[in-house]
Each structure stands twice: as structure tokens, then as C-alpha cells.
Amino acid sequence: MSKKKGVSAEIQLHEVIANIDLLNELKNGYLTVDAELARLKEMEGDCEDLVASAAMSDWSISELDLPQVSDDSLDQVGGSSVPDDSASS
């Protein structure tokens, strides 16, 4: 299974468990629909902010469009990269 599918399956599992817990709490009278709806509405904005910040910071240096430098261009610009001992004699 790919990492992406594994993460997706884990998210789905957490969602199912949360739904089961929620329904049990509602059934047993530990909370009301209105109270839970208000709590989830408050969480929604925080979650949206986290998703947006994660999407913005999800990059790697390999995705940057950097100029490529070849050995030939180094020789043309700065001379040979091997020191010339004859110049110091």
C-alpha cells in the first residue's frame, strides 16, 4: 500500500471512530446536537487555517527552479579549479 493510501485509510479510521463516539455520547445524553454543532463550527476555522498553512509550507528544495552550473562554466568564469603551482615559483 502506498504511503498516501495508508494515510488516507488512517484518516478514514479516525473519522469512523469519532463518529461512533459522537453517536454514543448523543445516545447516552452526554451532549446535545446544538452543543456539538457549535463546537465543530469553532473547530472548522482552526482546521482550515492548518490546512492552508500546511499547503503553503509543503515544498522541497528539489522543486525550486535553480540555475544549473556545469564544470565547463566554472572553468570559463574563474579559470581552472586546480591551483597552478607554476605561478607561485
N, C-alpha and C. Protein backbone atom coordinates (compact mmCIF):
# COMPACT_ATOMS: atom_id res chain seq x y z
N MET A 1 0.86 -1.18 0.00
CA MET A 1 0.00 0.00 0.00
C MET A 1 0.90 1.24 0.00
N SER A 2 0.58 2.21 -0.82
CA SER A 2 1.38 3.42 -0.88
C SER A 2 1.17 4.25 0.40
N LYS A 3 2.12 5.12 0.65
CA LYS A 3 2.05 5.96 1.85
C LYS A 3 0.79 6.82 1.83
N LYS A 4 0.45 7.34 0.65
CA LYS A 4 -0.73 8.20 0.52
C LYS A 4 -2.02 7.43 0.85
N LYS A 5 -2.11 6.20 0.36
CA LYS A 5 -3.29 5.38 0.65
C LYS A 5 -3.34 5.01 2.13
N GLY A 6 -2.18 4.76 2.72
CA GLY A 6 -2.11 4.44 4.14
C GLY A 6 -2.58 5.60 5.01
N VAL A 7 -2.14 6.80 4.66
CA VAL A 7 -2.56 8.00 5.40
C VAL A 7 -4.06 8.21 5.23
N SER A 8 -4.56 8.02 4.01
CA SER A 8 -5.98 8.18 3.75
C SER A 8 -6.81 7.17 4.56
N ALA A 9 -6.34 5.92 4.62
CA ALA A 9 -7.06 4.89 5.39
C ALA A 9 -7.04 5.22 6.87
N GLU A 10 -5.92 5.73 7.36
CA GLU A 10 -5.84 6.10 8.78
C GLU A 10 -6.77 7.26 9.11
N ILE A 11 -6.85 8.23 8.22
CA ILE A 11 -7.77 9.36 8.41
C ILE A 11 -9.21 8.85 8.45
N GLN A 12 -9.55 7.96 7.53
CA GLN A 12 -10.91 7.41 7.49
C GLN A 12 -11.22 6.63 8.77
N LEU A 13 -10.26 5.87 9.27
CA LEU A 13 -10.45 5.13 10.52
C LEU A 13 -10.73 6.09 11.68
N HIS A 14 -9.95 7.17 11.78
CA HIS A 14 -10.16 8.15 12.85
C HIS A 14 -11.53 8.80 12.74
N GLU A 15 -11.95 9.06 11.52
CA GLU A 15 -13.28 9.66 11.30
C GLU A 15 -14.39 8.72 11.75
N VAL A 16 -14.27 7.44 11.41
CA VAL A 16 -15.28 6.46 11.81
C VAL A 16 -15.33 6.34 13.33
N ILE A 17 -14.17 6.26 13.97
CA ILE A 17 -14.13 6.15 15.44
C ILE A 17 -14.76 7.39 16.08
N ALA A 18 -14.44 8.57 15.55
CA ALA A 18 -15.01 9.81 16.09
C ALA A 18 -16.53 9.82 15.93
N ASN A 19 -17.02 9.35 14.79
CA ASN A 19 -18.48 9.31 14.57
C ASN A 19 -19.15 8.33 15.53
N ILE A 20 -18.54 7.19 15.76
CA ILE A 20 -19.10 6.22 16.71
C ILE A 20 -19.16 6.82 18.11
N ASP A 21 -18.05 7.47 18.53
CA ASP A 21 -18.02 8.11 19.85
C ASP A 21 -19.09 9.19 19.96
N LEU A 22 -19.23 9.99 18.91
CA LEU A 22 -20.23 11.06 18.91
C LEU A 22 -21.64 10.49 19.05
N LEU A 23 -21.94 9.48 18.27
CA LEU A 23 -23.28 8.90 18.34
C LEU A 23 -23.55 8.28 19.71
N ASN A 24 -22.56 7.64 20.30
CA ASN A 24 -22.73 7.09 21.65
C ASN A 24 -22.99 8.19 22.68
N GLU A 25 -22.26 9.30 22.56
CA GLU A 25 -22.47 10.40 23.50
C GLU A 25 -23.87 11.02 23.33
N LEU A 26 -24.30 11.17 22.09
CA LEU A 26 -25.65 11.68 21.83
C LEU A 26 -26.71 10.72 22.37
N LYS A 27 -26.53 9.46 22.11
CA LYS A 27 -27.47 8.42 22.53
C LYS A 27 -27.60 8.37 24.05
N ASN A 28 -26.47 8.49 24.73
CA ASN A 28 -26.47 8.42 26.19
C ASN A 28 -26.81 9.74 26.87
N GLY A 29 -27.02 10.80 26.07
CA GLY A 29 -27.43 12.08 26.64
C GLY A 29 -26.30 12.91 27.22
N TYR A 30 -25.05 12.58 26.89
CA TYR A 30 -23.91 13.34 27.43
C TYR A 30 -23.72 14.68 26.74
N LEU A 31 -24.30 14.84 25.56
CA LEU A 31 -24.23 16.13 24.87
C LEU A 31 -25.42 16.28 23.97
N THR A 32 -25.62 17.53 23.54
CA THR A 32 -26.75 17.81 22.64
C THR A 32 -26.21 18.09 21.24
N VAL A 33 -27.10 17.95 20.29
CA VAL A 33 -26.73 18.22 18.91
C VAL A 33 -26.29 19.68 18.75
N ASP A 34 -27.00 20.61 19.36
CA ASP A 34 -26.66 22.02 19.24
C ASP A 34 -25.29 22.33 19.83
N ALA A 35 -24.98 21.74 20.99
CA ALA A 35 -23.68 21.98 21.62
C ALA A 35 -22.55 21.42 20.75
N GLU A 36 -22.75 20.23 20.22
CA GLU A 36 -21.71 19.63 19.38
C GLU A 36 -21.55 20.38 18.07
N LEU A 37 -22.64 20.85 17.49
CA LEU A 37 -22.58 21.63 16.26
C LEU A 37 -21.80 22.92 16.49
N ALA A 38 -22.04 23.60 17.58
CA ALA A 38 -21.32 24.83 17.91
C ALA A 38 -19.82 24.55 18.08
N ARG A 39 -19.49 23.45 18.76
CA ARG A 39 -18.09 23.10 18.99
C ARG A 39 -17.38 22.81 17.66
N LEU A 40 -18.05 22.07 16.78
CA LEU A 40 -17.46 21.74 15.49
C LEU A 40 -17.30 22.97 14.59
N LYS A 41 -18.24 23.89 14.64
CA LYS A 41 -18.15 25.13 13.86
C LYS A 41 -16.92 25.93 14.30
N GLU A 42 -16.65 25.96 15.61
CA GLU A 42 -15.47 26.66 16.11
C GLU A 42 -14.19 25.98 15.60
N MET A 43 -14.19 24.67 15.59
CA MET A 43 -13.01 23.92 15.15
C MET A 43 -12.77 24.05 13.64
N GLU A 44 -13.82 24.27 12.89
CA GLU A 44 -13.72 24.31 11.43
C GLU A 44 -12.73 25.38 10.96
N GLY A 45 -12.81 26.56 11.52
CA GLY A 45 -11.90 27.64 11.12
C GLY A 45 -10.46 27.32 11.44
N ASP A 46 -10.22 26.74 12.62
CA ASP A 46 -8.86 26.35 13.00
C ASP A 46 -8.31 25.30 12.03
N CYS A 47 -9.14 24.34 11.67
CA CYS A 47 -8.71 23.29 10.74
C CYS A 47 -8.40 23.86 9.36
N GLU A 48 -9.23 24.79 8.90
CA GLU A 48 -8.99 25.41 7.59
C GLU A 48 -7.67 26.17 7.60
N ASP A 49 -7.37 26.86 8.71
CA ASP A 49 -6.10 27.58 8.82
C ASP A 49 -4.92 26.62 8.77
N LEU A 50 -5.03 25.49 9.46
CA LEU A 50 -3.96 24.50 9.47
C LEU A 50 -3.72 23.91 8.08
N VAL A 51 -4.80 23.63 7.38
CA VAL A 51 -4.69 23.08 6.02
C VAL A 51 -4.01 24.10 5.11
N ALA A 52 -4.40 25.35 5.21
CA ALA A 52 -3.81 26.39 4.36
C ALA A 52 -2.33 26.57 4.65
N SER A 53 -1.96 26.58 5.93
CA SER A 53 -0.54 26.76 6.26
C SER A 53 0.28 25.54 5.87
N ALA A 54 -0.29 24.36 5.97
CA ALA A 54 0.42 23.14 5.56
C ALA A 54 0.64 23.13 4.06
N ALA A 55 -0.33 23.58 3.30
CA ALA A 55 -0.21 23.60 1.85
C ALA A 55 0.85 24.60 1.41
N MET A 56 0.97 25.72 2.12
CA MET A 56 1.94 26.73 1.77
C MET A 56 3.36 26.29 2.11
N SER A 57 3.54 25.55 3.18
CA SER A 57 4.88 25.19 3.61
C SER A 57 5.31 23.82 3.09
N ASP A 58 4.50 23.20 2.26
CA ASP A 58 4.83 21.87 1.74
C ASP A 58 5.62 22.00 0.44
N TRP A 59 6.93 22.21 0.56
CA TRP A 59 7.78 22.32 -0.60
C TRP A 59 9.13 21.73 -0.25
N SER A 60 9.87 21.45 -1.26
CA SER A 60 11.23 20.99 -1.04
C SER A 60 12.15 21.72 -1.98
N ILE A 61 13.42 21.73 -1.67
CA ILE A 61 14.38 22.45 -2.49
C ILE A 61 14.46 21.87 -3.89
N SER A 62 14.13 20.60 -4.04
CA SER A 62 14.17 19.99 -5.37
C SER A 62 13.12 20.57 -6.31
N GLU A 63 12.12 21.24 -5.76
CA GLU A 63 11.07 21.83 -6.59
C GLU A 63 11.42 23.25 -7.03
N LEU A 64 12.49 23.82 -6.50
CA LEU A 64 12.88 25.17 -6.88
C LEU A 64 13.53 25.15 -8.26
N ASP A 65 13.30 26.22 -9.02
CA ASP A 65 13.87 26.34 -10.35
C ASP A 65 15.21 27.05 -10.23
N LEU A 66 16.25 26.29 -9.88
CA LEU A 66 17.57 26.87 -9.69
C LEU A 66 18.40 26.72 -10.96
N PRO A 67 19.28 27.72 -11.23
CA PRO A 67 20.13 27.59 -12.41
C PRO A 67 21.12 26.45 -12.22
N GLN A 68 21.45 25.78 -13.29
CA GLN A 68 22.40 24.69 -13.24
C GLN A 68 23.78 25.21 -13.62
N VAL A 69 24.81 24.79 -12.88
CA VAL A 69 26.17 25.21 -13.13
C VAL A 69 26.98 23.99 -13.54
N SER A 70 27.61 24.07 -14.71
CA SER A 70 28.42 22.95 -15.18
C SER A 70 29.89 23.22 -14.88
N ASP A 71 30.71 22.18 -14.91
CA ASP A 71 32.15 22.34 -14.71
C ASP A 71 32.75 23.24 -15.78
N ASP A 72 32.25 23.16 -17.02
CA ASP A 72 32.76 23.99 -18.10
C ASP A 72 32.56 25.47 -17.81
N SER A 73 31.40 25.83 -17.25
CA SER A 73 31.14 27.24 -16.98
C SER A 73 32.02 27.75 -15.84
N LEU A 74 32.36 26.89 -14.90
CA LEU A 74 33.26 27.29 -13.82
C LEU A 74 34.65 27.57 -14.37
N ASP A 75 35.12 26.76 -15.31
CA ASP A 75 36.42 26.97 -15.91
C ASP A 75 36.47 28.27 -16.68
N GLN A 76 35.38 28.63 -17.36
CA GLN A 76 35.34 29.86 -18.16
C GLN A 76 35.31 31.10 -17.29
N VAL A 77 34.60 31.04 -16.16
CA VAL A 77 34.43 32.21 -15.32
C VAL A 77 35.62 32.42 -14.40
N GLY A 78 36.03 31.39 -13.69
CA GLY A 78 37.06 31.56 -12.69
C GLY A 78 38.35 30.88 -13.00
N GLY A 79 38.54 30.42 -14.20
CA GLY A 79 39.75 29.68 -14.53
C GLY A 79 39.63 28.27 -14.04
N SER A 80 40.71 27.56 -14.06
CA SER A 80 40.72 26.17 -13.65
C SER A 80 40.51 26.07 -12.15
N SER A 81 39.82 25.01 -11.72
CA SER A 81 39.61 24.82 -10.30
C SER A 81 40.81 24.17 -9.63
N VAL A 82 41.79 23.75 -10.43
CA VAL A 82 43.02 23.16 -9.90
C VAL A 82 44.07 24.25 -9.79
N PRO A 83 44.69 24.45 -8.60
CA PRO A 83 45.68 25.53 -8.46
C PRO A 83 46.89 25.29 -9.36
N ASP A 84 47.42 26.34 -9.89
CA ASP A 84 48.57 26.28 -10.77
C ASP A 84 49.81 26.58 -9.96
N ASP A 85 50.67 25.56 -9.67
CA ASP A 85 51.85 25.75 -8.84
C ASP A 85 52.93 26.56 -9.55
N SER A 86 52.91 26.62 -10.87
CA SER A 86 53.94 27.34 -11.60
C SER A 86 53.85 28.84 -11.37
N ALA A 87 52.68 29.36 -11.02
CA ALA A 87 52.51 30.79 -10.81
C ALA A 87 53.19 31.25 -9.53
N SER A 88 53.36 30.37 -8.54
CA SER A 88 53.92 30.77 -7.27
C SER A 88 55.44 30.61 -7.25
N SER A 89 56.08 30.04 -8.31
CA SER A 89 57.52 29.82 -8.32
C SER A 89 58.29 31.01 -8.78
